[in-house]
Amino acid sequence: MVQVMVLVQVANAVLNMAIVGLQVTTVAQDASQNRERVMQVGIVLLILILKHRASPILVFLNK
């Protein structure tokens, strides 16, 4: 159950980042450059979130 809840939280975080990314790109003047930048930032944030979220999961699984 804990793992499912964490996965749901990660999925929500990814969806929120995608929504924010779309909002930023639609507001931006030069959408193509900004979309790439937002994607790069989003990917970095996703990696950081996954690393942060995955470490307790791994500890939980190792027990």
PDB file of N, CA and C in Angstrom:
ATOM      1  N   MET A   1       0.826  -1.216   0.000  1.00  0.00           N
ATOM      2  CA  MET A   1       0.000   0.000   0.000  1.00  0.00           C
ATOM      3  C   MET A   1       0.856   1.260   0.000  1.00  0.00           C
ATOM      4  N   VAL A   2       1.932   1.230   0.777  1.00  0.00           N
ATOM      5  CA  VAL A   2       2.807   2.411   0.844  1.00  0.00           C
ATOM      6  C   VAL A   2       3.391   2.705  -0.529  1.00  0.00           C
ATOM      7  N   GLN A   3       3.827   1.641  -1.218  1.00  0.00           N
ATOM      8  CA  GLN A   3       4.431   1.824  -2.537  1.00  0.00           C
ATOM      9  C   GLN A   3       3.428   2.415  -3.521  1.00  0.00           C
ATOM     10  N   VAL A   4       2.184   1.939  -3.476  1.00  0.00           N
ATOM     11  CA  VAL A   4       1.152   2.453  -4.383  1.00  0.00           C
ATOM     12  C   VAL A   4       0.917   3.936  -4.123  1.00  0.00           C
ATOM     13  N   MET A   5       0.845   4.320  -2.852  1.00  0.00           N
ATOM     14  CA  MET A   5       0.619   5.727  -2.515  1.00  0.00           C
ATOM     15  C   MET A   5       1.768   6.589  -3.013  1.00  0.00           C
ATOM     16  N   VAL A   6       2.999   6.108  -2.850  1.00  0.00           N
ATOM     17  CA  VAL A   6       4.162   6.873  -3.321  1.00  0.00           C
ATOM     18  C   VAL A   6       4.115   7.011  -4.838  1.00  0.00           C
ATOM     19  N   LEU A   7       3.761   5.933  -5.532  1.00  0.00           N
ATOM     20  CA  LEU A   7       3.657   5.999  -6.996  1.00  0.00           C
ATOM     21  C   LEU A   7       2.599   7.008  -7.417  1.00  0.00           C
ATOM     22  N   VAL A   8       1.477   7.040  -6.708  1.00  0.00           N
ATOM     23  CA  VAL A   8       0.423   8.017  -7.019  1.00  0.00           C
ATOM     24  C   VAL A   8       0.944   9.432  -6.808  1.00  0.00           C
ATOM     25  N   GLN A   9       1.690   9.646  -5.727  1.00  0.00           N
ATOM     26  CA  GLN A   9       2.258  10.972  -5.465  1.00  0.00           C
ATOM     27  C   GLN A   9       3.222  11.377  -6.569  1.00  0.00           C
ATOM     28  N   VAL A  10       4.074  10.446  -6.997  1.00  0.00           N
ATOM     29  CA  VAL A  10       5.025  10.739  -8.075  1.00  0.00           C
ATOM     30  C   VAL A  10       4.264  11.064  -9.358  1.00  0.00           C
ATOM     31  N   ALA A  11       3.230  10.278  -9.668  1.00  0.00           N
ATOM     32  CA  ALA A  11       2.435  10.528 -10.878  1.00  0.00           C
ATOM     33  C   ALA A  11       1.781  11.903 -10.815  1.00  0.00           C
ATOM     34  N   ASN A  12       1.263  12.273  -9.658  1.00  0.00           N
ATOM     35  CA  ASN A  12       0.657  13.601  -9.496  1.00  0.00           C
ATOM     36  C   ASN A  12       1.690  14.695  -9.704  1.00  0.00           C
ATOM     37  N   ALA A  13       2.888  14.501  -9.165  1.00  0.00           N
ATOM     38  CA  ALA A  13       3.954  15.492  -9.332  1.00  0.00           C
ATOM     39  C   ALA A  13       4.304  15.655 -10.808  1.00  0.00           C
ATOM     40  N   VAL A  14       4.388  14.528 -11.522  1.00  0.00           N
ATOM     41  CA  VAL A  14       4.709  14.584 -12.954  1.00  0.00           C
ATOM     42  C   VAL A  14       3.609  15.319 -13.713  1.00  0.00           C
ATOM     43  N   LEU A  15       2.347  15.018 -13.404  1.00  0.00           N
ATOM     44  CA  LEU A  15       1.231  15.691 -14.070  1.00  0.00           C
ATOM     45  C   LEU A  15       1.248  17.186 -13.788  1.00  0.00           C
ATOM     46  N   ASN A  16       1.504  17.555 -12.541  1.00  0.00           N
ATOM     47  CA  ASN A  16       1.551  18.977 -12.187  1.00  0.00           C
ATOM     48  C   ASN A  16       2.664  19.686 -12.946  1.00  0.00           C
ATOM     49  N   MET A  17       3.842  19.030 -13.047  1.00  0.00           N
ATOM     50  CA  MET A  17       4.948  19.632 -13.788  1.00  0.00           C
ATOM     51  C   MET A  17       4.579  19.790 -15.262  1.00  0.00           C
ATOM     52  N   ALA A  18       3.902  18.791 -15.828  1.00  0.00           N
ATOM     53  CA  ALA A  18       3.501  18.868 -17.238  1.00  0.00           C
ATOM     54  C   ALA A  18       2.523  20.020 -17.453  1.00  0.00           C
ATOM     55  N   ILE A  19       1.580  20.182 -16.529  1.00  0.00           N
ATOM     56  CA  ILE A  19       0.590  21.266 -16.633  1.00  0.00           C
ATOM     57  C   ILE A  19       1.289  22.619 -16.543  1.00  0.00           C
ATOM     58  N   VAL A  20       2.189  22.761 -15.571  1.00  0.00           N
ATOM     59  CA  VAL A  20       2.937  24.017 -15.424  1.00  0.00           C
ATOM     60  C   VAL A  20       3.767  24.272 -16.672  1.00  0.00           C
ATOM     61  N   GLY A  21       4.397  23.215 -17.187  1.00  0.00           N
ATOM     62  CA  GLY A  21       5.202  23.353 -18.404  1.00  0.00           C
ATOM     63  C   GLY A  21       4.374  23.852 -19.576  1.00  0.00           C
ATOM     64  N   LEU A  22       3.172  23.298 -19.734  1.00  0.00           N
ATOM     65  CA  LEU A  22       2.287  23.736 -20.817  1.00  0.00           C
ATOM     66  C   LEU A  22       1.887  25.192 -20.625  1.00  0.00           C
ATOM     67  N   GLN A  23       1.588  25.581 -19.397  1.00  0.00           N
ATOM     68  CA  GLN A  23       1.207  26.967 -19.127  1.00  0.00           C
ATOM     69  C   GLN A  23       2.361  27.908 -19.459  1.00  0.00           C
ATOM     70  N   VAL A  24       3.571  27.520 -19.046  1.00  0.00           N
ATOM     71  CA  VAL A  24       4.741  28.371 -19.313  1.00  0.00           C
ATOM     72  C   VAL A  24       4.954  28.508 -20.811  1.00  0.00           C
ATOM     73  N   THR A  25       4.848  27.392 -21.544  1.00  0.00           N
ATOM     74  CA  THR A  25       5.119  27.453 -22.986  1.00  0.00           C
ATOM     75  C   THR A  25       4.044  28.235 -23.727  1.00  0.00           C
ATOM     76  N   THR A  26       2.784  28.165 -23.284  1.00  0.00           N
ATOM     77  CA  THR A  26       1.739  28.913 -23.984  1.00  0.00           C
ATOM     78  C   THR A  26       1.873  30.408 -23.710  1.00  0.00           C
ATOM     79  N   VAL A  27       2.317  30.761 -22.517  1.00  0.00           N
ATOM     80  CA  VAL A  27       2.495  32.180 -22.189  1.00  0.00           C
ATOM     81  C   VAL A  27       3.721  32.743 -22.897  1.00  0.00           C
ATOM     82  N   ALA A  28       4.735  31.913 -23.065  1.00  0.00           N
ATOM     83  CA  ALA A  28       6.019  32.389 -23.589  1.00  0.00           C
ATOM     84  C   ALA A  28       5.895  32.857 -25.034  1.00  0.00           C
ATOM     85  N   GLN A  29       6.719  33.843 -25.395  1.00  0.00           N
ATOM     86  CA  GLN A  29       6.743  34.350 -26.767  1.00  0.00           C
ATOM     87  C   GLN A  29       7.311  33.304 -27.719  1.00  0.00           C
ATOM     88  N   ASP A  30       8.503  32.809 -27.413  1.00  0.00           N
ATOM     89  CA  ASP A  30       9.164  31.837 -28.292  1.00  0.00           C
ATOM     90  C   ASP A  30       8.928  30.446 -27.730  1.00  0.00           C
ATOM     91  N   ALA A  31       7.833  29.814 -28.158  1.00  0.00           N
ATOM     92  CA  ALA A  31       7.376  28.579 -27.518  1.00  0.00           C
ATOM     93  C   ALA A  31       8.367  27.435 -27.685  1.00  0.00           C
ATOM     94  N   SER A  32       9.002  27.313 -28.838  1.00  0.00           N
ATOM     95  CA  SER A  32       9.848  26.138 -29.086  1.00  0.00           C
ATOM     96  C   SER A  32      11.058  26.121 -28.157  1.00  0.00           C
ATOM     97  N   GLN A  33      11.759  27.257 -28.030  1.00  0.00           N
ATOM     98  CA  GLN A  33      12.932  27.305 -27.149  1.00  0.00           C
ATOM     99  C   GLN A  33      12.520  27.096 -25.698  1.00  0.00           C
ATOM    100  N   ASN A  34      11.459  27.769 -25.303  1.00  0.00           N
ATOM    101  CA  ASN A  34      11.024  27.666 -23.910  1.00  0.00           C
ATOM    102  C   ASN A  34      10.503  26.272 -23.579  1.00  0.00           C
ATOM    103  N   ARG A  35       9.864  25.624 -24.547  1.00  0.00           N
ATOM    104  CA  ARG A  35       9.372  24.270 -24.307  1.00  0.00           C
ATOM    105  C   ARG A  35      10.551  23.338 -24.014  1.00  0.00           C
ATOM    106  N   GLU A  36      11.629  23.482 -24.784  1.00  0.00           N
ATOM    107  CA  GLU A  36      12.819  22.659 -24.535  1.00  0.00           C
ATOM    108  C   GLU A  36      13.370  22.940 -23.139  1.00  0.00           C
ATOM    109  N   ARG A  37      13.442  24.208 -22.781  1.00  0.00           N
ATOM    110  CA  ARG A  37      13.980  24.584 -21.475  1.00  0.00           C
ATOM    111  C   ARG A  37      13.105  24.023 -20.352  1.00  0.00           C
ATOM    112  N   VAL A  38      11.792  24.163 -20.509  1.00  0.00           N
ATOM    113  CA  VAL A  38      10.864  23.653 -19.498  1.00  0.00           C
ATOM    114  C   VAL A  38      10.982  22.138 -19.385  1.00  0.00           C
ATOM    115  N   MET A  39      11.112  21.464 -20.538  1.00  0.00           N
ATOM    116  CA  MET A  39      11.268  20.006 -20.514  1.00  0.00           C
ATOM    117  C   MET A  39      12.538  19.618 -19.765  1.00  0.00           C
ATOM    118  N   GLN A  40      13.638  20.334 -20.028  1.00  0.00           N
ATOM    119  CA  GLN A  40      14.900  20.021 -19.354  1.00  0.00           C
ATOM    120  C   GLN A  40      14.762  20.220 -17.853  1.00  0.00           C
ATOM    121  N   VAL A  41      14.173  21.329 -17.450  1.00  0.00           N
ATOM    122  CA  VAL A  41      13.970  21.591 -16.023  1.00  0.00           C
ATOM    123  C   VAL A  41      13.047  20.537 -15.424  1.00  0.00           C
ATOM    124  N   GLY A  42      11.982  20.197 -16.159  1.00  0.00           N
ATOM    125  CA  GLY A  42      11.035  19.191 -15.687  1.00  0.00           C
ATOM    126  C   GLY A  42      11.692  17.839 -15.502  1.00  0.00           C
ATOM    127  N   ILE A  43      12.563  17.466 -16.455  1.00  0.00           N
ATOM    128  CA  ILE A  43      13.255  16.175 -16.358  1.00  0.00           C
ATOM    129  C   ILE A  43      14.183  16.171 -15.151  1.00  0.00           C
ATOM    130  N   VAL A  44      14.906  17.263 -14.938  1.00  0.00           N
ATOM    131  CA  VAL A  44      15.803  17.352 -13.775  1.00  0.00           C
ATOM    132  C   VAL A  44      14.997  17.252 -12.484  1.00  0.00           C
ATOM    133  N   LEU A  45      13.879  17.983 -12.419  1.00  0.00           N
ATOM    134  CA  LEU A  45      13.025  17.920 -11.229  1.00  0.00           C
ATOM    135  C   LEU A  45      12.485  16.516 -11.018  1.00  0.00           C
ATOM    136  N   LEU A  46      12.079  15.876 -12.121  1.00  0.00           N
ATOM    137  CA  LEU A  46      11.548  14.513 -12.029  1.00  0.00           C
ATOM    138  C   LEU A  46      12.601  13.561 -11.478  1.00  0.00           C
ATOM    139  N   ILE A  47      13.843  13.687 -11.984  1.00  0.00           N
ATOM    140  CA  ILE A  47      14.930  12.822 -11.498  1.00  0.00           C
ATOM    141  C   ILE A  47      15.155  13.061 -10.011  1.00  0.00           C
ATOM    142  N   LEU A  48      15.174  14.339  -9.602  1.00  0.00           N
ATOM    143  CA  LEU A  48      15.382  14.650  -8.183  1.00  0.00           C
ATOM    144  C   LEU A  48      14.247  14.095  -7.332  1.00  0.00           C
ATOM    145  N   ILE A  49      13.005  14.259  -7.812  1.00  0.00           N
ATOM    146  CA  ILE A  49      11.850  13.736  -7.067  1.00  0.00           C
ATOM    147  C   ILE A  49      11.944  12.227  -6.952  1.00  0.00           C
ATOM    148  N   LEU A  50      12.259  11.564  -8.073  1.00  0.00           N
ATOM    149  CA  LEU A  50      12.332  10.098  -8.064  1.00  0.00           C
ATOM    150  C   LEU A  50      13.444   9.614  -7.140  1.00  0.00           C
ATOM    151  N   LYS A  51      14.597  10.302  -7.170  1.00  0.00           N
ATOM    152  CA  LYS A  51      15.687   9.921  -6.263  1.00  0.00           C
ATOM    153  C   LYS A  51      15.244  10.095  -4.815  1.00  0.00           C
ATOM    154  N   HIS A  52      14.593  11.228  -4.546  1.00  0.00           N
ATOM    155  CA  HIS A  52      14.145  11.525  -3.185  1.00  0.00           C
ATOM    156  C   HIS A  52      13.084  10.524  -2.738  1.00  0.00           C
ATOM    157  N   ARG A  53      12.169  10.184  -3.643  1.00  0.00           N
ATOM    158  CA  ARG A  53      11.075   9.266  -3.309  1.00  0.00           C
ATOM    159  C   ARG A  53      11.551   7.815  -3.283  1.00  0.00           C
ATOM    160  N   ALA A  54      12.504   7.486  -4.155  1.00  0.00           N
ATOM    161  CA  ALA A  54      12.912   6.086  -4.311  1.00  0.00           C
ATOM    162  C   ALA A  54      13.740   5.610  -3.123  1.00  0.00           C
ATOM    163  N   SER A  55      14.505   6.507  -2.494  1.00  0.00           N
ATOM    164  CA  SER A  55      15.370   6.050  -1.403  1.00  0.00           C
ATOM    165  C   SER A  55      14.577   5.438  -0.244  1.00  0.00           C
ATOM    166  N   PRO A  56      13.463   6.035   0.223  1.00  0.00           N
ATOM    167  CA  PRO A  56      12.679   5.354   1.272  1.00  0.00           C
ATOM    168  C   PRO A  56      12.080   4.038   0.786  1.00  0.00           C
ATOM    169  N   ILE A  57      11.688   3.983  -0.501  1.00  0.00           N
ATOM    170  CA  ILE A  57      11.116   2.742  -1.043  1.00  0.00           C
ATOM    171  C   ILE A  57      12.161   1.637  -0.988  1.00  0.00           C
ATOM    172  N   LEU A  58      13.388   1.967  -1.411  1.00  0.00           N
ATOM    173  CA  LEU A  58      14.455   0.962  -1.426  1.00  0.00           C
ATOM    174  C   LEU A  58      14.753   0.494  -0.013  1.00  0.00           C
ATOM    175  N   VAL A  59      14.784   1.428   0.935  1.00  0.00           N
ATOM    176  CA  VAL A  59      15.010   1.053   2.334  1.00  0.00           C
ATOM    177  C   VAL A  59      13.887   0.139   2.801  1.00  0.00           C
ATOM    178  N   PHE A  60      12.645   0.491   2.420  1.00  0.00           N
ATOM    179  CA  PHE A  60      11.473  -0.305   2.805  1.00  0.00           C
ATOM    180  C   PHE A  60      11.558  -1.707   2.202  1.00  0.00           C
ATOM    181  N   LEU A  61      11.986  -1.795   0.934  1.00  0.00           N
ATOM    182  CA  LEU A  61      12.073  -3.091   0.259  1.00  0.00           C
ATOM    183  C   LEU A  61      13.188  -3.949   0.846  1.00  0.00           C
ATOM    184  N   ASN A  62      14.282  -3.310   1.267  1.00  0.00           N
ATOM    185  CA  ASN A  62      15.429  -4.065   1.784  1.00  0.00           C
ATOM    186  C   ASN A  62      15.161  -4.663   3.154  1.00  0.00           C
ATOM    187  N   LYS A  63      14.167  -4.132   3.879  1.00  0.00           N
ATOM    188  CA  LYS A  63      13.867  -4.650   5.221  1.00  0.00           C
ATOM    189  C   LYS A  63      13.222  -5.963   5.179  1.00  0.00           C
TER     190      LYS A  63
END
